[in-house]
C-alpha atoms as a PDB file:
ATOM      1  CA  MET A   1     126.210  49.248 -75.854  1.00  0.00           C
ATOM      2  CA  THR A   2     127.497  49.142 -72.304  1.00  0.00           C
ATOM      3  CA  SER A   3     126.066  51.521 -69.754  1.00  0.00           C
ATOM      4  CA  ALA A   4     128.447  53.603 -67.663  1.00  0.00           C
ATOM      5  CA  PHE A   5     126.654  52.671 -64.441  1.00  0.00           C
ATOM      6  CA  THR A   6     126.107  48.959 -65.082  1.00  0.00           C
ATOM      7  CA  VAL A   7     128.797  48.086 -62.535  1.00  0.00           C
ATOM      8  CA  ALA A   8     126.811  49.945 -59.840  1.00  0.00           C
ATOM      9  CA  VAL A   9     123.865  47.536 -60.162  1.00  0.00           C
ATOM     10  CA  PRO A  10     124.411  44.411 -58.087  1.00  0.00           C
ATOM     11  CA  ARG A  11     123.513  41.127 -59.720  1.00  0.00           C
ATOM     12  CA  LEU A  12     121.521  38.703 -57.612  1.00  0.00           C
ATOM     13  CA  GLN A  13     120.978  35.040 -58.386  1.00  0.00           C
ATOM     14  CA  THR A  14     118.299  32.706 -57.175  1.00  0.00           C
ATOM     15  CA  GLU A  15     117.769  29.082 -58.050  1.00  0.00           C
ATOM     16  CA  ARG A  16     116.051  29.999 -61.343  1.00  0.00           C
ATOM     17  CA  LEU A  17     116.603  33.712 -61.815  1.00  0.00           C
ATOM     18  CA  MET A  18     119.215  36.385 -62.417  1.00  0.00           C
ATOM     19  CA  LEU A  19     118.355  39.885 -61.237  1.00  0.00           C
ATOM     20  CA  ARG A  20     120.466  42.179 -63.363  1.00  0.00           C
ATOM     21  CA  GLU A  21     120.761  45.724 -64.726  1.00  0.00           C
ATOM     22  CA  TYR A  22     118.303  46.974 -67.336  1.00  0.00           C
ATOM     23  CA  ARG A  23     119.549  46.758 -70.907  1.00  0.00           C
ATOM     24  CA  ARG A  24     118.348  48.655 -73.957  1.00  0.00           C
ATOM     25  CA  ASP A  25     117.261  45.340 -75.484  1.00  0.00           C
ATOM     26  CA  ASP A  26     114.835  44.854 -72.555  1.00  0.00           C
ATOM     27  CA  PHE A  27     112.750  47.872 -73.490  1.00  0.00           C
ATOM     28  CA  ASP A  28     110.313  46.349 -75.998  1.00  0.00           C
ATOM     29  CA  LEU A  29     109.025  43.789 -73.477  1.00  0.00           C
ATOM     30  CA  PHE A  30     108.947  46.420 -70.739  1.00  0.00           C
ATOM     31  CA  ALA A  31     106.977  48.822 -72.954  1.00  0.00           C
ATOM     32  CA  ALA A  32     104.499  46.132 -73.997  1.00  0.00           C
ATOM     33  CA  HIS A  33     103.909  45.289 -70.324  1.00  0.00           C
ATOM     34  CA  CYS A  34     103.406  48.953 -69.382  1.00  0.00           C
ATOM     35  CA  MET A  35     101.027  49.649 -72.248  1.00  0.00           C
ATOM     36  CA  THR A  36      98.936  46.587 -71.397  1.00  0.00           C
ATOM     37  CA  HIS A  37      98.836  46.887 -67.620  1.00  0.00           C
ATOM     38  CA  PHE A  38      99.165  50.611 -66.925  1.00  0.00           C
ATOM     39  CA  PRO A  39      96.925  52.416 -69.392  1.00  0.00           C
ATOM     40  CA  PRO A  40      97.018  55.032 -70.714  1.00  0.00           C
ATOM     41  CA  ALA A  41     100.791  54.435 -70.903  1.00  0.00           C
ATOM     42  CA  ASP A  42     102.353  54.685 -74.347  1.00  0.00           C
ATOM     43  CA  ARG A  43     105.928  53.964 -75.525  1.00  0.00           C
ATOM     44  CA  ASP A  44     107.111  57.459 -74.579  1.00  0.00           C
ATOM     45  CA  THR A  45     105.770  57.057 -71.044  1.00  0.00           C
ATOM     46  CA  ALA A  46     107.174  53.538 -70.833  1.00  0.00           C
ATOM     47  CA  TRP A  47     110.604  54.862 -71.896  1.00  0.00           C
ATOM     48  CA  ARG A  48     110.529  57.503 -69.161  1.00  0.00           C
ATOM     49  CA  VAL A  49     109.630  54.874 -66.538  1.00  0.00           C
ATOM     50  CA  PHE A  50     112.245  52.412 -67.864  1.00  0.00           C
ATOM     51  CA  SER A  51     114.933  55.114 -67.840  1.00  0.00           C
ATOM     52  CA  SER A  52     113.997  56.350 -64.381  1.00  0.00           C
ATOM     53  CA  HIS A  53     114.078  52.794 -63.009  1.00  0.00           C
ATOM     54  CA  ALA A  54     117.602  52.391 -64.350  1.00  0.00           C
ATOM     55  CA  GLY A  55     118.640  55.873 -63.210  1.00  0.00           C
ATOM     56  CA  LEU A  56     117.608  55.255 -59.607  1.00  0.00           C
ATOM     57  CA  TRP A  57     120.764  53.149 -59.168  1.00  0.00           C
ATOM     58  CA  LEU A  58     122.883  56.141 -60.096  1.00  0.00           C
ATOM     59  CA  LEU A  59     120.953  58.596 -57.906  1.00  0.00           C
ATOM     60  CA  GLN A  60     120.166  56.431 -54.868  1.00  0.00           C
ATOM     61  CA  GLY A  61     122.278  53.301 -55.025  1.00  0.00           C
ATOM     62  CA  ALA A  62     119.020  51.338 -55.187  1.00  0.00           C
ATOM     63  CA  GLY A  63     116.570  50.697 -57.993  1.00  0.00           C
ATOM     64  CA  TRP A  64     115.008  48.117 -60.261  1.00  0.00           C
ATOM     65  CA  TRP A  65     116.365  44.932 -61.775  1.00  0.00           C
ATOM     66  CA  ALA A  66     115.426  43.119 -64.932  1.00  0.00           C
ATOM     67  CA  VAL A  67     114.480  39.562 -63.974  1.00  0.00           C
ATOM     68  CA  GLU A  68     115.918  36.975 -66.317  1.00  0.00           C
ATOM     69  CA  GLU A  69     115.317  33.232 -66.254  1.00  0.00           C
ATOM     70  CA  ARG A  70     118.795  31.779 -65.867  1.00  0.00           C
ATOM     71  CA  GLN A  71     118.239  28.623 -67.875  1.00  0.00           C
ATOM     72  CA  SER A  72     116.721  30.258 -70.956  1.00  0.00           C
ATOM     73  CA  GLY A  73     117.932  33.869 -70.689  1.00  0.00           C
ATOM     74  CA  ARG A  74     114.337  35.065 -71.200  1.00  0.00           C
ATOM     75  CA  LEU A  75     113.242  38.265 -69.497  1.00  0.00           C
ATOM     76  CA  VAL A  76     110.308  37.371 -67.217  1.00  0.00           C
ATOM     77  CA  GLY A  77     109.652  40.661 -65.390  1.00  0.00           C
ATOM     78  CA  ASN A  78     111.127  43.302 -63.105  1.00  0.00           C
ATOM     79  CA  VAL A  79     111.708  43.708 -59.389  1.00  0.00           C
ATOM     80  CA  GLY A  80     112.768  46.744 -57.423  1.00  0.00           C
ATOM     81  CA  ALA A  81     114.196  47.769 -54.072  1.00  0.00           C
ATOM     82  CA  PHE A  82     114.128  51.549 -54.274  1.00  0.00           C
ATOM     83  CA  PHE A  83     113.163  54.806 -52.581  1.00  0.00           C
ATOM     84  CA  ARG A  84     110.464  57.238 -53.580  1.00  0.00           C
ATOM     85  CA  GLU A  85     111.516  60.868 -53.388  1.00  0.00           C
ATOM     86  CA  GLU A  86     109.567  61.589 -50.195  1.00  0.00           C
ATOM     87  CA  SER A  87     110.315  58.367 -48.333  1.00  0.00           C
ATOM     88  CA  ALA A  88     113.227  57.097 -46.269  1.00  0.00           C
ATOM     89  CA  VAL A  89     111.693  53.600 -46.244  1.00  0.00           C
ATOM     90  CA  MET A  90     112.892  51.266 -48.983  1.00  0.00           C
ATOM     91  CA  GLU A  91     110.066  50.087 -51.198  1.00  0.00           C
ATOM     92  CA  LEU A  92     109.828  46.737 -52.915  1.00  0.00           C
ATOM     93  CA  GLY A  93     108.015  46.363 -56.210  1.00  0.00           C
ATOM     94  CA  TRP A  94     107.615  43.495 -58.633  1.00  0.00           C
ATOM     95  CA  ASN A  95     105.877  42.454 -61.808  1.00  0.00           C
ATOM     96  CA  THR A  96     105.890  39.408 -64.002  1.00  0.00           C
ATOM     97  CA  TYR A  97     105.244  39.633 -67.725  1.00  0.00           C
ATOM     98  CA  SER A  98     101.997  37.957 -68.783  1.00  0.00           C
ATOM     99  CA  ALA A  99     103.563  34.907 -70.443  1.00  0.00           C
ATOM    100  CA  PHE A 100     105.371  34.025 -67.204  1.00  0.00           C
ATOM    101  CA  ARG A 101     102.680  34.503 -64.565  1.00  0.00           C
ATOM    102  CA  GLY A 102     101.782  31.678 -62.227  1.00  0.00           C
ATOM    103  CA  GLN A 103     105.281  30.178 -62.189  1.00  0.00           C
ATOM    104  CA  GLY A 104     106.470  31.694 -58.910  1.00  0.00           C
ATOM    105  CA  PHE A 105     108.892  34.147 -60.524  1.00  0.00           C
ATOM    106  CA  ALA A 106     107.489  37.179 -58.658  1.00  0.00           C
ATOM    107  CA  ASN A 107     107.840  35.367 -55.315  1.00  0.00           C
ATOM    108  CA  GLU A 108     111.402  34.289 -56.053  1.00  0.00           C
ATOM    109  CA  ALA A 109     112.556  37.663 -57.384  1.00  0.00           C
ATOM    110  CA  ALA A 110     110.856  39.645 -54.603  1.00  0.00           C
ATOM    111  CA  ALA A 111     112.393  37.361 -51.958  1.00  0.00           C
ATOM    112  CA  ALA A 112     115.834  38.090 -53.425  1.00  0.00           C
ATOM    113  CA  ALA A 113     115.121  41.837 -53.370  1.00  0.00           C
ATOM    114  CA  LEU A 114     113.949  41.599 -49.745  1.00  0.00           C
ATOM    115  CA  ALA A 115     117.099  39.701 -48.747  1.00  0.00           C
ATOM    116  CA  TYR A 116     119.180  42.346 -50.524  1.00  0.00           C
ATOM    117  CA  ALA A 117     117.401  45.135 -48.621  1.00  0.00           C
ATOM    118  CA  PHE A 118     117.845  43.514 -45.221  1.00  0.00           C
ATOM    119  CA  GLU A 119     121.099  41.574 -45.529  1.00  0.00           C
ATOM    120  CA  MET A 120     123.178  43.760 -47.863  1.00  0.00           C
ATOM    121  CA  ARG A 121     121.805  47.249 -47.234  1.00  0.00           C
ATOM    122  CA  HIS A 122     120.723  46.666 -43.616  1.00  0.00           C
ATOM    123  CA  GLU A 123     117.492  48.575 -44.184  1.00  0.00           C
ATOM    124  CA  PRO A 124     115.480  48.661 -40.943  1.00  0.00           C
ATOM    125  CA  LYS A 125     112.130  48.420 -42.719  1.00  0.00           C
ATOM    126  CA  VAL A 126     110.696  47.830 -46.182  1.00  0.00           C
ATOM    127  CA  ARG A 127     107.304  48.502 -47.661  1.00  0.00           C
ATOM    128  CA  ALA A 128     105.257  47.560 -50.698  1.00  0.00           C
ATOM    129  CA  LEU A 129     102.447  49.770 -51.959  1.00  0.00           C
ATOM    130  CA  ILE A 130      99.796  47.575 -53.543  1.00  0.00           C
ATOM    131  CA  ALA A 131      96.446  48.354 -55.154  1.00  0.00           C
ATOM    132  CA  PRO A 132      93.631  46.730 -53.171  1.00  0.00           C
ATOM    133  CA  ASP A 133      92.408  44.743 -56.206  1.00  0.00           C
ATOM    134  CA  ASN A 134      95.855  43.253 -56.919  1.00  0.00           C
ATOM    135  CA  GLY A 135      95.379  39.973 -55.072  1.00  0.00           C
ATOM    136  CA  SER A 136      98.410  38.254 -56.564  1.00  0.00           C
ATOM    137  CA  SER A 137     100.774  41.018 -55.394  1.00  0.00           C
ATOM    138  CA  ILE A 138      99.161  41.008 -51.964  1.00  0.00           C
ATOM    139  CA  ARG A 139      99.839  37.260 -51.770  1.00  0.00           C
ATOM    140  CA  VAL A 140     103.488  37.817 -52.761  1.00  0.00           C
ATOM    141  CA  ALA A 141     103.822  40.474 -50.035  1.00  0.00           C
ATOM    142  CA  GLU A 142     102.260  38.178 -47.434  1.00  0.00           C
ATOM    143  CA  ARG A 143     104.556  35.278 -48.434  1.00  0.00           C
ATOM    144  CA  LEU A 144     107.470  37.645 -47.823  1.00  0.00           C
ATOM    145  CA  GLY A 145     106.163  38.416 -44.345  1.00  0.00           C
ATOM    146  CA  LEU A 146     104.926  41.921 -45.165  1.00  0.00           C
ATOM    147  CA  ARG A 147     101.736  42.845 -43.343  1.00  0.00           C
ATOM    148  CA  TYR A 148      99.099  45.439 -44.091  1.00  0.00           C
ATOM    149  CA  GLU A 149      99.834  48.544 -42.056  1.00  0.00           C
ATOM    150  CA  ALA A 150      97.597  51.284 -43.430  1.00  0.00           C
ATOM    151  CA  GLN A 151      96.068  52.804 -46.499  1.00  0.00           C
ATOM    152  CA  ALA A 152      98.321  55.129 -48.497  1.00  0.00           C
ATOM    153  CA  GLU A 153      98.001  57.096 -51.705  1.00  0.00           C
ATOM    154  CA  VAL A 154     100.095  56.889 -54.870  1.00  0.00           C
ATOM    155  CA  TYR A 155      99.372  59.209 -57.777  1.00  0.00           C
ATOM    156  CA  GLY A 156      95.957  59.977 -56.302  1.00  0.00           C
ATOM    157  CA  LYS A 157      94.925  56.327 -55.913  1.00  0.00           C
ATOM    158  CA  ALA A 158      94.391  54.449 -52.660  1.00  0.00           C
ATOM    159  CA  VAL A 159      96.820  51.589 -52.077  1.00  0.00           C
ATOM    160  CA  GLY A 160      97.656  49.301 -49.202  1.00  0.00           C
ATOM    161  CA  ASN A 161     100.930  49.931 -47.385  1.00  0.00           C
ATOM    162  CA  TYR A 162     102.442  46.533 -46.513  1.00  0.00           C
ATOM    163  CA  THR A 163     105.533  46.598 -44.296  1.00  0.00           C
ATOM    164  CA  ARG A 164     108.113  44.393 -42.654  1.00  0.00           C
ATOM    165  CA  GLU A 165     110.897  45.260 -40.251  1.00  0.00           C
ATOM    166  CA  ARG A 166     114.326  43.650 -40.504  1.00  0.00           C
ATOM    167  CA  ARG A 167     114.263  42.282 -36.966  1.00  0.00           C
ATOM    168  CA  ALA A 168     111.319  40.075 -37.971  1.00  0.00           C
ATOM    169  CA  LEU A 169     113.775  37.910 -39.919  1.00  0.00           C
ATOM    170  CA  LYS A 170     115.441  36.777 -36.703  1.00  0.00           C
ATOM    171  CA  GLN A 171     112.152  35.655 -35.170  1.00  0.00           C
ATOM    172  CA  GLU A 172     111.389  33.062 -37.876  1.00  0.00           C
END
């Protein structure tokens, strides 16, 4: 089944990865990840999140990609460059499915999403909201040049707000 808005989702390639639109066939892995890492999520909740991730492209022209390993075609995680309803600052998000952690996929996919935000969309600033106990995501953010700015709150939980401005790219 082909989605009517598939053409609106840009495909990005890195050395090892393809960032592409969500597909219905991606849902089982997505749901398993959500139910394991975001309790008390169930399949119904996972479906709503999966659908909203895909729908962001239609509503905002920005959203989440499925991250596929180019060589094998295996789905290894998800990465996003999107906007929350109340924010004008583009947010980056990433996750790697358990079987693929520790292989640098989150770094590679998030770097592609950051380049998309700055080079293609010309966003002046990006942010990542990261739970304080999520050391691996904090390390990804720091590798991307995002720096802790302040504490924020998401769904009633304290998170770190890590930011980077586009002009910082020119200083490296």
